[in-house]
Amino acid sequence: MGKIFCIMGKSATGKDTIYKSLLQNSELKLNRIVSYTTRPIREGEKEGVEYHFVDDDKLQEFQKAGKVIELREYNTVHGIWKYFTADDGQFDGDDNYLAIGTLESYVQLRDYFGQERLVPIYVEVEDGLRLERALARERMQAMPKYEEMCRRFLADAADFSVENLKEAGITRKFTNMDVDKCVQGIILDIQGNM
């Protein structure tokens, strides 16, 4: 297996946009890693693209088969939502892969596959701008979940604390004030780590 490049950052830092741009770059030839979630699908999302949307029964099937690589649970204002990565055949081969996740998922993937295979890509945005982006995105939903947006925003401060980033060995950061410049910097970093 090749490298797994793992994009992470607080909510509303542009990770999804960056992820899609990197996958479309024909020079990088990165394969998509699609994680699973038990949360409801959002407007504009597609099954098998952003996530595989499953229920708890499907998660339990993966767990019983020993196929869960990493699992995270969040006690949201709408109940417990689970996110996980499964060894479901998508890691077969010697290709390079692109994942999107949290600091917690990065650490679990690193521990599973080995540090030499995982390359962190940490994206950051100034908190005020990040809050504006999150609010704009939530307003576009048919049924906005503002309470959950606020919970995520505040939880990110703890999840991506300076101490947690240091403990996970995250030293390189990509600031996303201009998405095209940010993507170009990440492309150079990926090429240097292949």
C-alpha atoms as a PDB file:
ATOM      1  CA  MET A   1       0.000   0.000   0.000  1.00  0.00           C
ATOM      2  CA  GLY A   2       1.148   3.525  -0.762  1.00  0.00           C
ATOM      3  CA  LYS A   3       0.660   6.642   1.342  1.00  0.00           C
ATOM      4  CA  ILE A   4      -2.541   7.918   2.902  1.00  0.00           C
ATOM      5  CA  PHE A   5      -2.768  11.701   2.859  1.00  0.00           C
ATOM      6  CA  CYS A   6      -5.171  12.751   5.609  1.00  0.00           C
ATOM      7  CA  ILE A   7      -6.846  16.176   5.432  1.00  0.00           C
ATOM      8  CA  MET A   8      -8.042  17.465   8.772  1.00  0.00           C
ATOM      9  CA  GLY A   9      -8.998  20.704  10.422  1.00  0.00           C
ATOM     10  CA  LYS A  10     -11.740  22.405  12.345  1.00  0.00           C
ATOM     11  CA  SER A  11     -15.215  22.624  10.837  1.00  0.00           C
ATOM     12  CA  ALA A  12     -15.725  25.125   7.995  1.00  0.00           C
ATOM     13  CA  THR A  13     -12.034  25.358   7.049  1.00  0.00           C
ATOM     14  CA  GLY A  14     -12.738  24.261   3.474  1.00  0.00           C
ATOM     15  CA  LYS A  15     -11.621  20.647   3.830  1.00  0.00           C
ATOM     16  CA  ASP A  16     -14.307  19.304   1.469  1.00  0.00           C
ATOM     17  CA  THR A  17     -13.422  21.819  -1.261  1.00  0.00           C
ATOM     18  CA  ILE A  18      -9.709  21.050  -0.911  1.00  0.00           C
ATOM     19  CA  TYR A  19     -10.410  17.308  -0.866  1.00  0.00           C
ATOM     20  CA  LYS A  20     -12.378  17.496  -4.115  1.00  0.00           C
ATOM     21  CA  SER A  21      -9.691  19.625  -5.799  1.00  0.00           C
ATOM     22  CA  LEU A  22      -6.952  17.172  -4.854  1.00  0.00           C
ATOM     23  CA  LEU A  23      -8.951  14.193  -6.115  1.00  0.00           C
ATOM     24  CA  GLN A  24      -9.462  15.944  -9.468  1.00  0.00           C
ATOM     25  CA  ASN A  25      -5.733  16.588  -9.895  1.00  0.00           C
ATOM     26  CA  SER A  26      -4.690  14.032 -12.517  1.00  0.00           C
ATOM     27  CA  GLU A  27      -0.977  14.267 -11.636  1.00  0.00           C
ATOM     28  CA  LEU A  28      -1.521  13.139  -8.039  1.00  0.00           C
ATOM     29  CA  LYS A  29      -3.600  10.060  -8.902  1.00  0.00           C
ATOM     30  CA  LEU A  30      -5.073   9.792  -5.407  1.00  0.00           C
ATOM     31  CA  ASN A  31      -7.796   7.295  -4.572  1.00  0.00           C
ATOM     32  CA  ARG A  32     -10.686   8.417  -2.419  1.00  0.00           C
ATOM     33  CA  ILE A  33     -11.234   6.895   1.011  1.00  0.00           C
ATOM     34  CA  VAL A  34     -14.921   6.980   1.827  1.00  0.00           C
ATOM     35  CA  SER A  35     -15.707   6.790   5.532  1.00  0.00           C
ATOM     36  CA  TYR A  36     -19.003   5.805   7.103  1.00  0.00           C
ATOM     37  CA  THR A  37     -21.427   7.744   9.302  1.00  0.00           C
ATOM     38  CA  THR A  38     -24.680   7.136  11.113  1.00  0.00           C
ATOM     39  CA  ARG A  39     -25.676  10.796  10.884  1.00  0.00           C
ATOM     40  CA  PRO A  40     -28.397  11.874   8.449  1.00  0.00           C
ATOM     41  CA  ILE A  41     -27.345  12.841   4.947  1.00  0.00           C
ATOM     42  CA  ARG A  42     -27.154  16.615   4.383  1.00  0.00           C
ATOM     43  CA  GLU A  43     -28.628  18.446   1.460  1.00  0.00           C
ATOM     44  CA  GLY A  44     -26.213  18.216  -1.479  1.00  0.00           C
ATOM     45  CA  GLU A  45     -24.411  15.127  -0.191  1.00  0.00           C
ATOM     46  CA  LYS A  46     -24.416  11.834  -2.083  1.00  0.00           C
ATOM     47  CA  GLU A  47     -24.175   8.298  -0.780  1.00  0.00           C
ATOM     48  CA  GLY A  48     -20.702   6.896  -1.398  1.00  0.00           C
ATOM     49  CA  VAL A  49     -19.183  10.300  -2.155  1.00  0.00           C
ATOM     50  CA  GLU A  50     -18.890  12.265   1.096  1.00  0.00           C
ATOM     51  CA  TYR A  51     -19.710   9.215   3.245  1.00  0.00           C
ATOM     52  CA  HIS A  52     -21.467   5.897   3.257  1.00  0.00           C
ATOM     53  CA  PHE A  53     -24.611   6.665   5.273  1.00  0.00           C
ATOM     54  CA  VAL A  54     -25.456   3.644   7.426  1.00  0.00           C
ATOM     55  CA  ASP A  55     -27.335   2.714  10.571  1.00  0.00           C
ATOM     56  CA  ASP A  56     -26.028   1.254  13.837  1.00  0.00           C
ATOM     57  CA  ASP A  57     -26.835  -2.277  12.663  1.00  0.00           C
ATOM     58  CA  LYS A  58     -24.415  -1.937   9.736  1.00  0.00           C
ATOM     59  CA  LEU A  59     -21.728  -0.564  12.067  1.00  0.00           C
ATOM     60  CA  GLN A  60     -22.216  -3.569  14.354  1.00  0.00           C
ATOM     61  CA  GLU A  61     -21.811  -5.910  11.359  1.00  0.00           C
ATOM     62  CA  PHE A  62     -18.426  -4.305  10.585  1.00  0.00           C
ATOM     63  CA  GLN A  63     -17.417  -4.506  14.258  1.00  0.00           C
ATOM     64  CA  LYS A  64     -18.351  -8.187  14.557  1.00  0.00           C
ATOM     65  CA  ALA A  65     -16.290  -8.904  11.426  1.00  0.00           C
ATOM     66  CA  GLY A  66     -13.291  -6.998  12.895  1.00  0.00           C
ATOM     67  CA  LYS A  67     -13.344  -4.536  10.004  1.00  0.00           C
ATOM     68  CA  VAL A  68     -13.549  -1.202  11.894  1.00  0.00           C
ATOM     69  CA  ILE A  69     -10.227   0.639  11.640  1.00  0.00           C
ATOM     70  CA  GLU A  70     -11.246   3.741  13.535  1.00  0.00           C
ATOM     71  CA  LEU A  71     -14.474   4.887  15.201  1.00  0.00           C
ATOM     72  CA  ARG A  72     -15.576   8.189  16.692  1.00  0.00           C
ATOM     73  CA  GLU A  73     -18.827   9.058  18.486  1.00  0.00           C
ATOM     74  CA  TYR A  74     -20.255  12.535  18.986  1.00  0.00           C
ATOM     75  CA  ASN A  75     -23.069  13.322  21.378  1.00  0.00           C
ATOM     76  CA  THR A  76     -24.810  15.952  19.262  1.00  0.00           C
ATOM     77  CA  VAL A  77     -27.945  17.933  20.001  1.00  0.00           C
ATOM     78  CA  HIS A  78     -29.698  15.452  17.658  1.00  0.00           C
ATOM     79  CA  GLY A  79     -28.400  12.304  19.343  1.00  0.00           C
ATOM     80  CA  ILE A  80     -25.249  10.231  18.999  1.00  0.00           C
ATOM     81  CA  TRP A  81     -23.652  10.340  15.559  1.00  0.00           C
ATOM     82  CA  LYS A  82     -20.898   7.883  14.725  1.00  0.00           C
ATOM     83  CA  TYR A  83     -18.178   8.153  12.102  1.00  0.00           C
ATOM     84  CA  PHE A  84     -15.847   5.326  11.187  1.00  0.00           C
ATOM     85  CA  THR A  85     -13.442   3.951   8.612  1.00  0.00           C
ATOM     86  CA  ALA A  86     -13.767   0.307   7.670  1.00  0.00           C
ATOM     87  CA  ASP A  87     -11.403  -2.149   6.042  1.00  0.00           C
ATOM     88  CA  ASP A  88     -13.936  -2.810   3.290  1.00  0.00           C
ATOM     89  CA  GLY A  89     -11.581  -3.476   0.379  1.00  0.00           C
ATOM     90  CA  GLN A  90     -10.903   0.133  -0.531  1.00  0.00           C
ATOM     91  CA  PHE A  91      -7.289  -0.097   0.708  1.00  0.00           C
ATOM     92  CA  ASP A  92      -6.287  -2.964  -1.558  1.00  0.00           C
ATOM     93  CA  GLY A  93      -3.329  -2.277  -3.825  1.00  0.00           C
ATOM     94  CA  ASP A  94      -0.231  -0.093  -3.753  1.00  0.00           C
ATOM     95  CA  ASP A  95      -1.958   3.174  -4.646  1.00  0.00           C
ATOM     96  CA  ASN A  96      -1.888   6.459  -2.755  1.00  0.00           C
ATOM     97  CA  TYR A  97      -5.061   7.517  -0.969  1.00  0.00           C
ATOM     98  CA  LEU A  98      -6.754  10.680   0.229  1.00  0.00           C
ATOM     99  CA  ALA A  99      -8.789  10.749   3.434  1.00  0.00           C
ATOM    100  CA  ILE A 100     -10.659  13.501   5.196  1.00  0.00           C
ATOM    101  CA  GLY A 101     -11.257  13.390   8.917  1.00  0.00           C
ATOM    102  CA  THR A 102     -10.482  14.631  12.389  1.00  0.00           C
ATOM    103  CA  LEU A 103      -7.328  14.639  14.465  1.00  0.00           C
ATOM    104  CA  GLU A 104      -8.702  11.619  16.318  1.00  0.00           C
ATOM    105  CA  SER A 105      -9.320   9.685  13.090  1.00  0.00           C
ATOM    106  CA  TYR A 106      -5.831  10.600  11.830  1.00  0.00           C
ATOM    107  CA  VAL A 107      -4.211   9.204  14.985  1.00  0.00           C
ATOM    108  CA  GLN A 108      -6.221   5.971  14.781  1.00  0.00           C
ATOM    109  CA  LEU A 109      -5.418   5.535  11.065  1.00  0.00           C
ATOM    110  CA  ARG A 110      -1.744   6.214  11.779  1.00  0.00           C
ATOM    111  CA  ASP A 111      -1.729   3.647  14.560  1.00  0.00           C
ATOM    112  CA  TYR A 112      -3.426   1.077  12.300  1.00  0.00           C
ATOM    113  CA  PHE A 113      -1.402   1.565   9.098  1.00  0.00           C
ATOM    114  CA  GLY A 114       1.869   2.898  10.564  1.00  0.00           C
ATOM    115  CA  GLN A 115       3.351   6.381  10.753  1.00  0.00           C
ATOM    116  CA  GLU A 116       5.380   5.907   7.566  1.00  0.00           C
ATOM    117  CA  ARG A 117       2.156   5.542   5.547  1.00  0.00           C
ATOM    118  CA  LEU A 118       0.149   8.451   6.972  1.00  0.00           C
ATOM    119  CA  VAL A 119       0.834  12.042   5.937  1.00  0.00           C
ATOM    120  CA  PRO A 120      -1.145  14.719   7.830  1.00  0.00           C
ATOM    121  CA  ILE A 121      -2.525  17.765   6.011  1.00  0.00           C
ATOM    122  CA  TYR A 122      -3.807  20.229   8.612  1.00  0.00           C
ATOM    123  CA  VAL A 123      -5.954  23.074   7.245  1.00  0.00           C
ATOM    124  CA  GLU A 124      -6.678  26.161   9.327  1.00  0.00           C
ATOM    125  CA  VAL A 125      -8.747  29.325   9.024  1.00  0.00           C
ATOM    126  CA  GLU A 126      -9.119  32.269  11.403  1.00  0.00           C
ATOM    127  CA  ASP A 127     -12.000  31.509  13.805  1.00  0.00           C
ATOM    128  CA  GLY A 128     -14.172  34.525  12.889  1.00  0.00           C
ATOM    129  CA  LEU A 129     -14.089  33.661   9.190  1.00  0.00           C
ATOM    130  CA  ARG A 130     -14.637  30.008  10.002  1.00  0.00           C
ATOM    131  CA  LEU A 131     -17.777  30.880  11.985  1.00  0.00           C
ATOM    132  CA  GLU A 132     -19.080  33.007   9.093  1.00  0.00           C
ATOM    133  CA  ARG A 133     -18.526  30.120   6.670  1.00  0.00           C
ATOM    134  CA  ALA A 134     -20.243  27.631   8.983  1.00  0.00           C
ATOM    135  CA  LEU A 135     -23.261  29.897   9.386  1.00  0.00           C
ATOM    136  CA  ALA A 136     -23.558  30.486   5.634  1.00  0.00           C
ATOM    137  CA  ARG A 137     -23.375  26.732   4.975  1.00  0.00           C
ATOM    138  CA  GLU A 138     -25.991  25.958   7.621  1.00  0.00           C
ATOM    139  CA  ARG A 139     -28.395  28.596   6.276  1.00  0.00           C
ATOM    140  CA  MET A 140     -28.423  26.732   2.951  1.00  0.00           C
ATOM    141  CA  GLN A 141     -29.843  23.575   4.563  1.00  0.00           C
ATOM    142  CA  ALA A 142     -33.575  22.871   4.285  1.00  0.00           C
ATOM    143  CA  MET A 143     -33.637  22.389   8.058  1.00  0.00           C
ATOM    144  CA  PRO A 144     -30.684  24.298   9.554  1.00  0.00           C
ATOM    145  CA  LYS A 145     -29.186  22.793  12.708  1.00  0.00           C
ATOM    146  CA  TYR A 146     -27.701  25.903  14.339  1.00  0.00           C
ATOM    147  CA  GLU A 147     -27.327  24.332  17.768  1.00  0.00           C
ATOM    148  CA  GLU A 148     -25.244  21.512  16.315  1.00  0.00           C
ATOM    149  CA  MET A 149     -23.184  24.013  14.311  1.00  0.00           C
ATOM    150  CA  CYS A 150     -22.368  25.888  17.525  1.00  0.00           C
ATOM    151  CA  ARG A 151     -21.573  22.676  19.408  1.00  0.00           C
ATOM    152  CA  ARG A 152     -19.140  21.610  16.676  1.00  0.00           C
ATOM    153  CA  PHE A 153     -17.506  25.041  16.561  1.00  0.00           C
ATOM    154  CA  LEU A 154     -16.828  24.997  20.305  1.00  0.00           C
ATOM    155  CA  ALA A 155     -15.772  21.327  20.373  1.00  0.00           C
ATOM    156  CA  ASP A 156     -13.173  22.026  17.665  1.00  0.00           C
ATOM    157  CA  ALA A 157     -11.288  24.348  20.005  1.00  0.00           C
ATOM    158  CA  ALA A 158     -10.648  21.442  22.374  1.00  0.00           C
ATOM    159  CA  ASP A 159     -10.225  18.744  19.718  1.00  0.00           C
ATOM    160  CA  PHE A 160      -7.634  20.728  17.739  1.00  0.00           C
ATOM    161  CA  SER A 161      -5.877  22.364  20.694  1.00  0.00           C
ATOM    162  CA  VAL A 162      -2.203  23.243  20.373  1.00  0.00           C
ATOM    163  CA  GLU A 163      -1.424  20.432  22.819  1.00  0.00           C
ATOM    164  CA  ASN A 164      -3.395  17.818  20.847  1.00  0.00           C
ATOM    165  CA  LEU A 165      -1.793  18.858  17.561  1.00  0.00           C
ATOM    166  CA  LYS A 166       1.658  18.653  19.136  1.00  0.00           C
ATOM    167  CA  GLU A 167       0.936  15.251  20.694  1.00  0.00           C
ATOM    168  CA  ALA A 168      -0.196  13.920  17.286  1.00  0.00           C
ATOM    169  CA  GLY A 169       2.992  15.242  15.658  1.00  0.00           C
ATOM    170  CA  ILE A 170       1.204  17.795  13.462  1.00  0.00           C
ATOM    171  CA  THR A 171       3.732  20.488  12.591  1.00  0.00           C
ATOM    172  CA  ARG A 172       2.815  21.600   9.053  1.00  0.00           C
ATOM    173  CA  LYS A 173      -0.246  23.780   8.649  1.00  0.00           C
ATOM    174  CA  PHE A 174      -1.954  25.111   5.534  1.00  0.00           C
ATOM    175  CA  THR A 175      -3.888  28.355   5.934  1.00  0.00           C
ATOM    176  CA  ASN A 176      -6.968  28.524   3.715  1.00  0.00           C
ATOM    177  CA  MET A 177      -7.561  32.214   3.090  1.00  0.00           C
ATOM    178  CA  ASP A 178      -7.334  31.665  -0.669  1.00  0.00           C
ATOM    179  CA  VAL A 179      -8.384  28.139  -1.606  1.00  0.00           C
ATOM    180  CA  ASP A 180      -6.384  28.024  -4.860  1.00  0.00           C
ATOM    181  CA  LYS A 181      -3.130  29.033  -3.118  1.00  0.00           C
ATOM    182  CA  CYS A 182      -3.855  26.609  -0.282  1.00  0.00           C
ATOM    183  CA  VAL A 183      -4.474  23.734  -2.713  1.00  0.00           C
ATOM    184  CA  GLN A 184      -1.259  24.515  -4.617  1.00  0.00           C
ATOM    185  CA  GLY A 185       0.744  24.416  -1.380  1.00  0.00           C
ATOM    186  CA  ILE A 186      -0.820  21.082  -0.445  1.00  0.00           C
ATOM    187  CA  ILE A 187      -0.139  19.642  -3.927  1.00  0.00           C
ATOM    188  CA  LEU A 188       3.568  20.507  -3.551  1.00  0.00           C
ATOM    189  CA  ASP A 189       3.594  18.910  -0.099  1.00  0.00           C
ATOM    190  CA  ILE A 190       1.934  15.730  -1.365  1.00  0.00           C
ATOM    191  CA  GLN A 191       4.342  15.466  -4.307  1.00  0.00           C
ATOM    192  CA  GLY A 192       7.251  15.826  -1.898  1.00  0.00           C
ATOM    193  CA  ASN A 193       5.910  12.981   0.260  1.00  0.00           C
ATOM    194  CA  MET A 194       5.113  10.426  -2.464  1.00  0.00           C
END
